[in-house]
Amino acid sequence: LRLSCAASGNPLSITHMGWYRQAPGKHRELVATMSV
């Protein structure tokens, strides 16, 4: 699968973006990140 994330509003200030995931009954966990 390929997920996509689009930022809008005031995105020029963003320096890092990434993905987290959360399964039922579990805490949110980091998947991957990317800096500008």
PDB file of all heavy atoms in Angstrom:
ATOM      1  N   LEU A   1       0.848  -1.174   0.000  1.00  0.00           N
ATOM      2  CA  LEU A   1       0.000   0.000   0.000  1.00  0.00           C
ATOM      3  C   LEU A   1       0.887   1.228   0.000  1.00  0.00           C
ATOM      4  O   LEU A   1       2.021   1.178   0.481  1.00  0.00           O
ATOM      5  CB  LEU A   1      -0.916   0.050   1.219  1.00  0.00           C
ATOM      6  CG  LEU A   1      -2.131  -0.876   1.265  1.00  0.00           C
ATOM      7  CD1 LEU A   1      -2.796  -0.779   2.632  1.00  0.00           C
ATOM      8  CD2 LEU A   1      -3.123  -0.524   0.174  1.00  0.00           C
ATOM      9  N   ARG A   2       0.357   2.315  -0.523  1.00  0.00           N
ATOM     10  CA  ARG A   2       1.078   3.586  -0.510  1.00  0.00           C
ATOM     11  C   ARG A   2       0.189   4.644   0.135  1.00  0.00           C
ATOM     12  O   ARG A   2      -0.891   4.947  -0.376  1.00  0.00           O
ATOM     13  CB  ARG A   2       1.467   4.019  -1.918  1.00  0.00           C
ATOM     14  CG  ARG A   2       2.345   5.274  -1.957  1.00  0.00           C
ATOM     15  CD  ARG A   2       2.772   5.596  -3.386  1.00  0.00           C
ATOM     16  NE  ARG A   2       3.630   6.768  -3.452  1.00  0.00           N
ATOM     17  CZ  ARG A   2       4.950   6.745  -3.326  1.00  0.00           C
ATOM     18  NH1 ARG A   2       5.574   5.593  -3.115  1.00  0.00           N
ATOM     19  NH2 ARG A   2       5.656   7.870  -3.406  1.00  0.00           N
ATOM     20  N   LEU A   3       0.645   5.186   1.253  1.00  0.00           N
ATOM     21  CA  LEU A   3      -0.059   6.244   1.943  1.00  0.00           C
ATOM     22  C   LEU A   3       0.496   7.599   1.531  1.00  0.00           C
ATOM     23  O   LEU A   3       1.683   7.728   1.229  1.00  0.00           O
ATOM     24  CB  LEU A   3       0.071   6.093   3.456  1.00  0.00           C
ATOM     25  CG  LEU A   3      -0.311   4.742   4.055  1.00  0.00           C
ATOM     26  CD1 LEU A   3      -0.163   4.792   5.572  1.00  0.00           C
ATOM     27  CD2 LEU A   3      -1.724   4.350   3.663  1.00  0.00           C
ATOM     28  N   SER A   4      -0.365   8.608   1.546  1.00  0.00           N
ATOM     29  CA  SER A   4       0.053   9.950   1.212  1.00  0.00           C
ATOM     30  C   SER A   4      -0.484  10.925   2.248  1.00  0.00           C
ATOM     31  O   SER A   4      -1.577  10.737   2.782  1.00  0.00           O
ATOM     32  CB  SER A   4      -0.445  10.341  -0.183  1.00  0.00           C
ATOM     33  OG  SER A   4       0.020  11.621  -0.555  1.00  0.00           O
ATOM     34  N   CYS A   5       0.290  11.955   2.534  1.00  0.00           N
ATOM     35  CA  CYS A   5      -0.103  12.984   3.493  1.00  0.00           C
ATOM     36  C   CYS A   5       0.175  14.350   2.888  1.00  0.00           C
ATOM     37  O   CYS A   5       1.322  14.656   2.543  1.00  0.00           O
ATOM     38  CB  CYS A   5       0.662  12.823   4.797  1.00  0.00           C
ATOM     39  SG  CYS A   5       0.380  14.153   5.991  1.00  0.00           S
ATOM     40  N   ALA A   6      -0.862  15.169   2.779  1.00  0.00           N
ATOM     41  CA  ALA A   6      -0.739  16.511   2.234  1.00  0.00           C
ATOM     42  C   ALA A   6      -0.970  17.543   3.326  1.00  0.00           C
ATOM     43  O   ALA A   6      -1.956  17.469   4.062  1.00  0.00           O
ATOM     44  CB  ALA A   6      -1.730  16.716   1.098  1.00  0.00           C
ATOM     45  N   ALA A   7      -0.072  18.499   3.425  1.00  0.00           N
ATOM     46  CA  ALA A   7      -0.181  19.574   4.401  1.00  0.00           C
ATOM     47  C   ALA A   7      -0.714  20.830   3.730  1.00  0.00           C
ATOM     48  O   ALA A   7      -0.335  21.160   2.608  1.00  0.00           O
ATOM     49  CB  ALA A   7       1.168  19.863   5.040  1.00  0.00           C
ATOM     50  N   SER A   8      -1.587  21.529   4.424  1.00  0.00           N
ATOM     51  CA  SER A   8      -2.132  22.783   3.930  1.00  0.00           C
ATOM     52  C   SER A   8      -2.281  23.761   5.084  1.00  0.00           C
ATOM     53  O   SER A   8      -2.013  23.426   6.234  1.00  0.00           O
ATOM     54  CB  SER A   8      -3.477  22.561   3.235  1.00  0.00           C
ATOM     55  OG  SER A   8      -4.439  22.049   4.146  1.00  0.00           O
ATOM     56  N   GLY A   9      -2.719  24.970   4.767  1.00  0.00           N
ATOM     57  CA  GLY A   9      -2.851  26.014   5.775  1.00  0.00           C
ATOM     58  C   GLY A   9      -1.621  26.892   5.778  1.00  0.00           C
ATOM     59  O   GLY A   9      -1.527  27.842   5.003  1.00  0.00           O
ATOM     60  N   ASN A  10      -0.667  26.565   6.633  1.00  0.00           N
ATOM     61  CA  ASN A  10       0.606  27.281   6.706  1.00  0.00           C
ATOM     62  C   ASN A  10       1.749  26.279   6.738  1.00  0.00           C
ATOM     63  O   ASN A  10       2.508  26.222   7.704  1.00  0.00           O
ATOM     64  CB  ASN A  10       0.647  28.186   7.931  1.00  0.00           C
ATOM     65  CG  ASN A  10       1.868  29.088   7.953  1.00  0.00           C
ATOM     66  OD1 ASN A  10       2.408  29.449   6.909  1.00  0.00           O
ATOM     67  ND2 ASN A  10       2.310  29.459   9.149  1.00  0.00           N
ATOM     68  N   PRO A  11       1.907  25.482   5.682  1.00  0.00           N
ATOM     69  CA  PRO A  11       2.875  24.379   5.706  1.00  0.00           C
ATOM     70  C   PRO A  11       4.326  24.784   5.562  1.00  0.00           C
ATOM     71  O   PRO A  11       5.206  23.958   5.795  1.00  0.00           O
ATOM     72  CB  PRO A  11       2.436  23.515   4.522  1.00  0.00           C
ATOM     73  CG  PRO A  11       1.875  24.505   3.555  1.00  0.00           C
ATOM     74  CD  PRO A  11       1.174  25.541   4.406  1.00  0.00           C
ATOM     75  N   LEU A  12       4.608  26.023   5.178  1.00  0.00           N
ATOM     76  CA  LEU A  12       5.994  26.423   4.943  1.00  0.00           C
ATOM     77  C   LEU A  12       6.836  26.398   6.207  1.00  0.00           C
ATOM     78  O   LEU A  12       8.058  26.342   6.134  1.00  0.00           O
ATOM     79  CB  LEU A  12       6.047  27.812   4.307  1.00  0.00           C
ATOM     80  CG  LEU A  12       5.423  27.942   2.918  1.00  0.00           C
ATOM     81  CD1 LEU A  12       5.560  29.358   2.408  1.00  0.00           C
ATOM     82  CD2 LEU A  12       6.066  26.958   1.953  1.00  0.00           C
ATOM     83  N   SER A  13       6.195  26.448   7.359  1.00  0.00           N
ATOM     84  CA  SER A  13       6.925  26.416   8.618  1.00  0.00           C
ATOM     85  C   SER A  13       7.326  25.005   9.036  1.00  0.00           C
ATOM     86  O   SER A  13       8.115  24.839   9.965  1.00  0.00           O
ATOM     87  CB  SER A  13       6.095  27.051   9.736  1.00  0.00           C
ATOM     88  OG  SER A  13       4.910  26.310   9.972  1.00  0.00           O
ATOM     89  N   ILE A  14       6.801  24.001   8.364  1.00  0.00           N
ATOM     90  CA  ILE A  14       7.050  22.618   8.730  1.00  0.00           C
ATOM     91  C   ILE A  14       8.463  22.197   8.346  1.00  0.00           C
ATOM     92  O   ILE A  14       8.900  22.418   7.219  1.00  0.00           O
ATOM     93  CB  ILE A  14       6.021  21.688   8.067  1.00  0.00           C
ATOM     94  CG1 ILE A  14       4.621  22.017   8.584  1.00  0.00           C
ATOM     95  CG2 ILE A  14       6.368  20.227   8.311  1.00  0.00           C
ATOM     96  CD1 ILE A  14       4.463  21.820  10.076  1.00  0.00           C
ATOM     97  N   THR A  15       9.166  21.576   9.287  1.00  0.00           N
ATOM     98  CA  THR A  15      10.512  21.083   9.031  1.00  0.00           C
ATOM     99  C   THR A  15      10.598  19.561   9.058  1.00  0.00           C
ATOM    100  O   THR A  15      11.546  18.993   8.511  1.00  0.00           O
ATOM    101  CB  THR A  15      11.508  21.644  10.049  1.00  0.00           C
ATOM    102  OG1 THR A  15      11.136  21.237  11.372  1.00  0.00           O
ATOM    103  CG2 THR A  15      11.542  23.164   9.982  1.00  0.00           C
ATOM    104  N   HIS A  16       9.652  18.913   9.704  1.00  0.00           N
ATOM    105  CA  HIS A  16       9.635  17.462   9.794  1.00  0.00           C
ATOM    106  C   HIS A  16       8.229  16.938   9.560  1.00  0.00           C
ATOM    107  O   HIS A  16       7.254  17.501  10.062  1.00  0.00           O
ATOM    108  CB  HIS A  16      10.110  16.982  11.165  1.00  0.00           C
ATOM    109  CG  HIS A  16      11.557  17.259  11.433  1.00  0.00           C
ATOM    110  ND1 HIS A  16      12.018  18.515  11.755  1.00  0.00           N
ATOM    111  CD2 HIS A  16      12.643  16.447  11.425  1.00  0.00           C
ATOM    112  CE1 HIS A  16      13.331  18.461  11.938  1.00  0.00           C
ATOM    113  NE2 HIS A  16      13.730  17.216  11.738  1.00  0.00           N
ATOM    114  N   MET A  17       8.129  15.866   8.816  1.00  0.00           N
ATOM    115  CA  MET A  17       6.871  15.173   8.624  1.00  0.00           C
ATOM    116  C   MET A  17       7.121  13.682   8.759  1.00  0.00           C
ATOM    117  O   MET A  17       8.247  13.211   8.568  1.00  0.00           O
ATOM    118  CB  MET A  17       6.255  15.483   7.257  1.00  0.00           C
ATOM    119  CG  MET A  17       5.868  16.936   7.073  1.00  0.00           C
ATOM    120  SD  MET A  17       5.028  17.253   5.497  1.00  0.00           S
ATOM    121  CE  MET A  17       3.456  16.419   5.786  1.00  0.00           C
ATOM    122  N   GLY A  18       6.074  12.963   9.094  1.00  0.00           N
ATOM    123  CA  GLY A  18       6.248  11.535   9.235  1.00  0.00           C
ATOM    124  C   GLY A  18       4.956  10.804   9.508  1.00  0.00           C
ATOM    125  O   GLY A  18       3.866  11.366   9.410  1.00  0.00           O
ATOM    126  N   TRP A  19       5.119   9.535   9.846  1.00  0.00           N
ATOM    127  CA  TRP A  19       3.993   8.655  10.060  1.00  0.00           C
ATOM    128  C   TRP A  19       4.104   7.935  11.392  1.00  0.00           C
ATOM    129  O   TRP A  19       5.183   7.462  11.769  1.00  0.00           O
ATOM    130  CB  TRP A  19       3.902   7.604   8.943  1.00  0.00           C
ATOM    131  CG  TRP A  19       3.605   8.195   7.605  1.00  0.00           C
ATOM    132  CD1 TRP A  19       4.498   8.625   6.674  1.00  0.00           C
ATOM    133  CD2 TRP A  19       2.309   8.425   7.052  1.00  0.00           C
ATOM    134  NE1 TRP A  19       3.846   9.106   5.571  1.00  0.00           N
ATOM    135  CE2 TRP A  19       2.492   8.997   5.773  1.00  0.00           C
ATOM    136  CE3 TRP A  19       1.011   8.199   7.507  1.00  0.00           C
ATOM    137  CZ2 TRP A  19       1.429   9.343   4.950  1.00  0.00           C
ATOM    138  CZ3 TRP A  19      -0.050   8.551   6.692  1.00  0.00           C
ATOM    139  CH2 TRP A  19       0.165   9.109   5.430  1.00  0.00           C
ATOM    140  N   TYR A  20       2.993   7.863  12.093  1.00  0.00           N
ATOM    141  CA  TYR A  20       2.833   7.045  13.278  1.00  0.00           C
ATOM    142  C   TYR A  20       1.697   6.071  13.030  1.00  0.00           C
ATOM    143  O   TYR A  20       0.923   6.233  12.089  1.00  0.00           O
ATOM    144  CB  TYR A  20       2.507   7.905  14.504  1.00  0.00           C
ATOM    145  CG  TYR A  20       3.648   8.751  15.012  1.00  0.00           C
ATOM    146  CD1 TYR A  20       4.007   9.939  14.376  1.00  0.00           C
ATOM    147  CD2 TYR A  20       4.359   8.369  16.150  1.00  0.00           C
ATOM    148  CE1 TYR A  20       5.047  10.718  14.848  1.00  0.00           C
ATOM    149  CE2 TYR A  20       5.403   9.155  16.633  1.00  0.00           C
ATOM    150  CZ  TYR A  20       5.737  10.327  15.977  1.00  0.00           C
ATOM    151  OH  TYR A  20       6.772  11.092  16.467  1.00  0.00           O
ATOM    152  N   ARG A  21       1.602   5.081  13.874  1.00  0.00           N
ATOM    153  CA  ARG A  21       0.475   4.164  13.778  1.00  0.00           C
ATOM    154  C   ARG A  21       0.026   3.747  15.167  1.00  0.00           C
ATOM    155  O   ARG A  21       0.792   3.774  16.120  1.00  0.00           O
ATOM    156  CB  ARG A  21       0.819   2.931  12.938  1.00  0.00           C
ATOM    157  CG  ARG A  21       1.791   1.957  13.591  1.00  0.00           C
ATOM    158  CD  ARG A  21       2.160   0.857  12.615  1.00  0.00           C
ATOM    159  NE  ARG A  21       2.939  -0.205  13.246  1.00  0.00           N
ATOM    160  CZ  ARG A  21       3.477  -1.230  12.599  1.00  0.00           C
ATOM    161  NH1 ARG A  21       3.321  -1.337  11.276  1.00  0.00           N
ATOM    162  NH2 ARG A  21       4.166  -2.145  13.256  1.00  0.00           N
ATOM    163  N   GLN A  22      -1.231   3.351  15.261  1.00  0.00           N
ATOM    164  CA  GLN A  22      -1.787   2.903  16.524  1.00  0.00           C
ATOM    165  C   GLN A  22      -2.771   1.767  16.269  1.00  0.00           C
ATOM    166  O   GLN A  22      -3.767   1.947  15.573  1.00  0.00           O
ATOM    167  CB  GLN A  22      -2.485   4.045  17.262  1.00  0.00           C
ATOM    168  CG  GLN A  22      -2.953   3.669  18.655  1.00  0.00           C
ATOM    169  CD  GLN A  22      -3.376   4.874  19.472  1.00  0.00           C
ATOM    170  OE1 GLN A  22      -3.648   5.936  18.927  1.00  0.00           O
ATOM    171  NE2 GLN A  22      -3.426   4.705  20.777  1.00  0.00           N
ATOM    172  N   ALA A  23      -2.461   0.619  16.838  1.00  0.00           N
ATOM    173  CA  ALA A  23      -3.341  -0.532  16.763  1.00  0.00           C
ATOM    174  C   ALA A  23      -4.252  -0.547  17.986  1.00  0.00           C
ATOM    175  O   ALA A  23      -3.922   0.042  19.021  1.00  0.00           O
ATOM    176  CB  ALA A  23      -2.519  -1.817  16.698  1.00  0.00           C
ATOM    177  N   PRO A  24      -5.394  -1.211  17.896  1.00  0.00           N
ATOM    178  CA  PRO A  24      -6.307  -1.274  19.046  1.00  0.00           C
ATOM    179  C   PRO A  24      -5.616  -1.809  20.287  1.00  0.00           C
ATOM    180  O   PRO A  24      -4.931  -2.832  20.231  1.00  0.00           O
ATOM    181  CB  PRO A  24      -7.404  -2.231  18.567  1.00  0.00           C
ATOM    182  CG  PRO A  24      -7.404  -2.082  17.085  1.00  0.00           C
ATOM    183  CD  PRO A  24      -5.956  -1.902  16.720  1.00  0.00           C
ATOM    184  N   GLY A  25      -5.784  -1.108  21.402  1.00  0.00           N
ATOM    185  CA  GLY A  25      -5.200  -1.529  22.657  1.00  0.00           C
ATOM    186  C   GLY A  25      -3.724  -1.249  22.807  1.00  0.00           C
ATOM    187  O   GLY A  25      -3.128  -1.650  23.818  1.00  0.00           O
ATOM    188  N   LYS A  26      -3.117  -0.581  21.840  1.00  0.00           N
ATOM    189  CA  LYS A  26      -1.697  -0.279  21.896  1.00  0.00           C
ATOM    190  C   LYS A  26      -1.465   1.223  21.827  1.00  0.00           C
ATOM    191  O   LYS A  26      -2.329   1.982  21.390  1.00  0.00           O
ATOM    192  CB  LYS A  26      -0.952  -0.965  20.752  1.00  0.00           C
ATOM    193  CG  LYS A  26      -1.045  -2.479  20.759  1.00  0.00           C
ATOM    194  CD  LYS A  26      -0.203  -3.097  19.666  1.00  0.00           C
ATOM    195  CE  LYS A  26       1.278  -2.886  19.919  1.00  0.00           C
ATOM    196  NZ  LYS A  26       2.120  -3.572  18.892  1.00  0.00           N
ATOM    197  N   HIS A  27      -0.293   1.632  22.278  1.00  0.00           N
ATOM    198  CA  HIS A  27       0.074   3.038  22.203  1.00  0.00           C
ATOM    199  C   HIS A  27       0.521   3.401  20.794  1.00  0.00           C
ATOM    200  O   HIS A  27       0.928   2.549  20.005  1.00  0.00           O
ATOM    201  CB  HIS A  27       1.195   3.345  23.199  1.00  0.00           C
ATOM    202  CG  HIS A  27       0.771   3.308  24.625  1.00  0.00           C
ATOM    203  ND1 HIS A  27       0.905   2.190  25.409  1.00  0.00           N
ATOM    204  CD2 HIS A  27       0.211   4.259  25.416  1.00  0.00           C
ATOM    205  CE1 HIS A  27       0.446   2.444  26.619  1.00  0.00           C
ATOM    206  NE2 HIS A  27       0.029   3.688  26.648  1.00  0.00           N
ATOM    207  N   ARG A  28       0.437   4.681  20.497  1.00  0.00           N
ATOM    208  CA  ARG A  28       0.918   5.176  19.227  1.00  0.00           C
ATOM    209  C   ARG A  28       2.418   4.954  19.114  1.00  0.00           C
ATOM    210  O   ARG A  28       3.159   5.177  20.069  1.00  0.00           O
ATOM    211  CB  ARG A  28       0.587   6.668  19.108  1.00  0.00           C
ATOM    212  CG  ARG A  28       0.995   7.326  17.807  1.00  0.00           C
ATOM    213  CD  ARG A  28       0.695   8.810  17.869  1.00  0.00           C
ATOM    214  NE  ARG A  28       1.455   9.463  18.922  1.00  0.00           N
ATOM    215  CZ  ARG A  28       1.225  10.694  19.366  1.00  0.00           C
ATOM    216  NH1 ARG A  28       0.235  11.407  18.841  1.00  0.00           N
ATOM    217  NH2 ARG A  28       1.970  11.205  20.328  1.00  0.00           N
ATOM    218  N   GLU A  29       2.884   4.538  17.948  1.00  0.00           N
ATOM    219  CA  GLU A  29       4.296   4.289  17.753  1.00  0.00           C
ATOM    220  C   GLU A  29       4.789   4.913  16.452  1.00  0.00           C
ATOM    221  O   GLU A  29       4.055   5.016  15.474  1.00  0.00           O
ATOM    222  CB  GLU A  29       4.596   2.785  17.757  1.00  0.00           C
ATOM    223  CG  GLU A  29       3.870   1.999  16.684  1.00  0.00           C
ATOM    224  CD  GLU A  29       4.091   0.503  16.808  1.00  0.00           C
ATOM    225  OE1 GLU A  29       4.846   0.076  17.710  1.00  0.00           O
ATOM    226  OE2 GLU A  29       3.510  -0.253  15.992  1.00  0.00           O
ATOM    227  N   LEU A  30       6.038   5.298  16.460  1.00  0.00           N
ATOM    228  CA  LEU A  30       6.664   5.898  15.293  1.00  0.00           C
ATOM    229  C   LEU A  30       6.855   4.868  14.196  1.00  0.00           C
ATOM    230  O   LEU A  30       7.264   3.736  14.462  1.00  0.00           O
ATOM    231  CB  LEU A  30       8.016   6.500  15.673  1.00  0.00           C
ATOM    232  CG  LEU A  30       8.887   7.011  14.523  1.00  0.00           C
ATOM    233  CD1 LEU A  30       8.285   8.283  13.935  1.00  0.00           C
ATOM    234  CD2 LEU A  30      10.308   7.269  15.004  1.00  0.00           C
ATOM    235  N   VAL A  31       6.578   5.258  12.959  1.00  0.00           N
ATOM    236  CA  VAL A  31       6.822   4.411  11.805  1.00  0.00           C
ATOM    237  C   VAL A  31       8.012   4.934  11.009  1.00  0.00           C
ATOM    238  O   VAL A  31       8.984   4.217  10.769  1.00  0.00           O
ATOM    239  CB  VAL A  31       5.581   4.318  10.900  1.00  0.00           C
ATOM    240  CG1 VAL A  31       5.889   3.505   9.647  1.00  0.00           C
ATOM    241  CG2 VAL A  31       4.416   3.703  11.668  1.00  0.00           C
ATOM    242  N   ALA A  32       7.942   6.188  10.579  1.00  0.00           N
ATOM    243  CA  ALA A  32       9.008   6.773   9.779  1.00  0.00           C
ATOM    244  C   ALA A  32       8.884   8.285   9.795  1.00  0.00           C
ATOM    245  O   ALA A  32       7.783   8.819   9.924  1.00  0.00           O
ATOM    246  CB  ALA A  32       8.962   6.264   8.335  1.00  0.00           C
ATOM    247  N   THR A  33      10.013   8.978   9.657  1.00  0.00           N
ATOM    248  CA  THR A  33      10.016  10.438   9.608  1.00  0.00           C
ATOM    249  C   THR A  33      10.952  10.924   8.517  1.00  0.00           C
ATOM    250  O   THR A  33      11.887  10.223   8.113  1.00  0.00           O
ATOM    251  CB  THR A  33      10.453  11.067  10.946  1.00  0.00           C
ATOM    252  OG1 THR A  33      11.820  10.735  11.217  1.00  0.00           O
ATOM    253  CG2 THR A  33       9.579  10.574  12.090  1.00  0.00           C
ATOM    254  N   MET A  34      10.700  12.132   8.063  1.00  0.00           N
ATOM    255  CA  MET A  34      11.560  12.780   7.076  1.00  0.00           C
ATOM    256  C   MET A  34      11.638  14.268   7.378  1.00  0.00           C
ATOM    257  O   MET A  34      10.625  14.910   7.626  1.00  0.00           O
ATOM    258  CB  MET A  34      11.049  12.550   5.662  1.00  0.00           C
ATOM    259  CG  MET A  34      11.781  13.367   4.598  1.00  0.00           C
ATOM    260  SD  MET A  34      11.308  12.948   2.908  1.00  0.00           S
ATOM    261  CE  MET A  34      12.419  11.559   2.620  1.00  0.00           C
ATOM    262  N   SER A  35      12.843  14.827   7.337  1.00  0.00           N
ATOM    263  CA  SER A  35      13.039  16.252   7.503  1.00  0.00           C
ATOM    264  C   SER A  35      13.052  16.932   6.142  1.00  0.00           C
ATOM    265  O   SER A  35      13.162  16.273   5.103  1.00  0.00           O
ATOM    266  CB  SER A  35      14.347  16.537   8.239  1.00  0.00           C
ATOM    267  OG  SER A  35      15.460  16.266   7.402  1.00  0.00           O
ATOM    268  N   VAL A  36      12.962  18.263   6.139  1.00  0.00           N
ATOM    269  CA  VAL A  36      12.996  19.000   4.880  1.00  0.00           C
ATOM    270  C   VAL A  36      14.343  18.861   4.195  1.00  0.00           C
ATOM    271  O   VAL A  36      14.442  19.067   2.978  1.00  0.00           O
ATOM    272  CB  VAL A  36      12.661  20.490   5.094  1.00  0.00           C
ATOM    273  CG1 VAL A  36      11.219  20.648   5.544  1.00  0.00           C
ATOM    274  CG2 VAL A  36      13.610  21.129   6.099  1.00  0.00           C
TER     275      VAL A  36
END
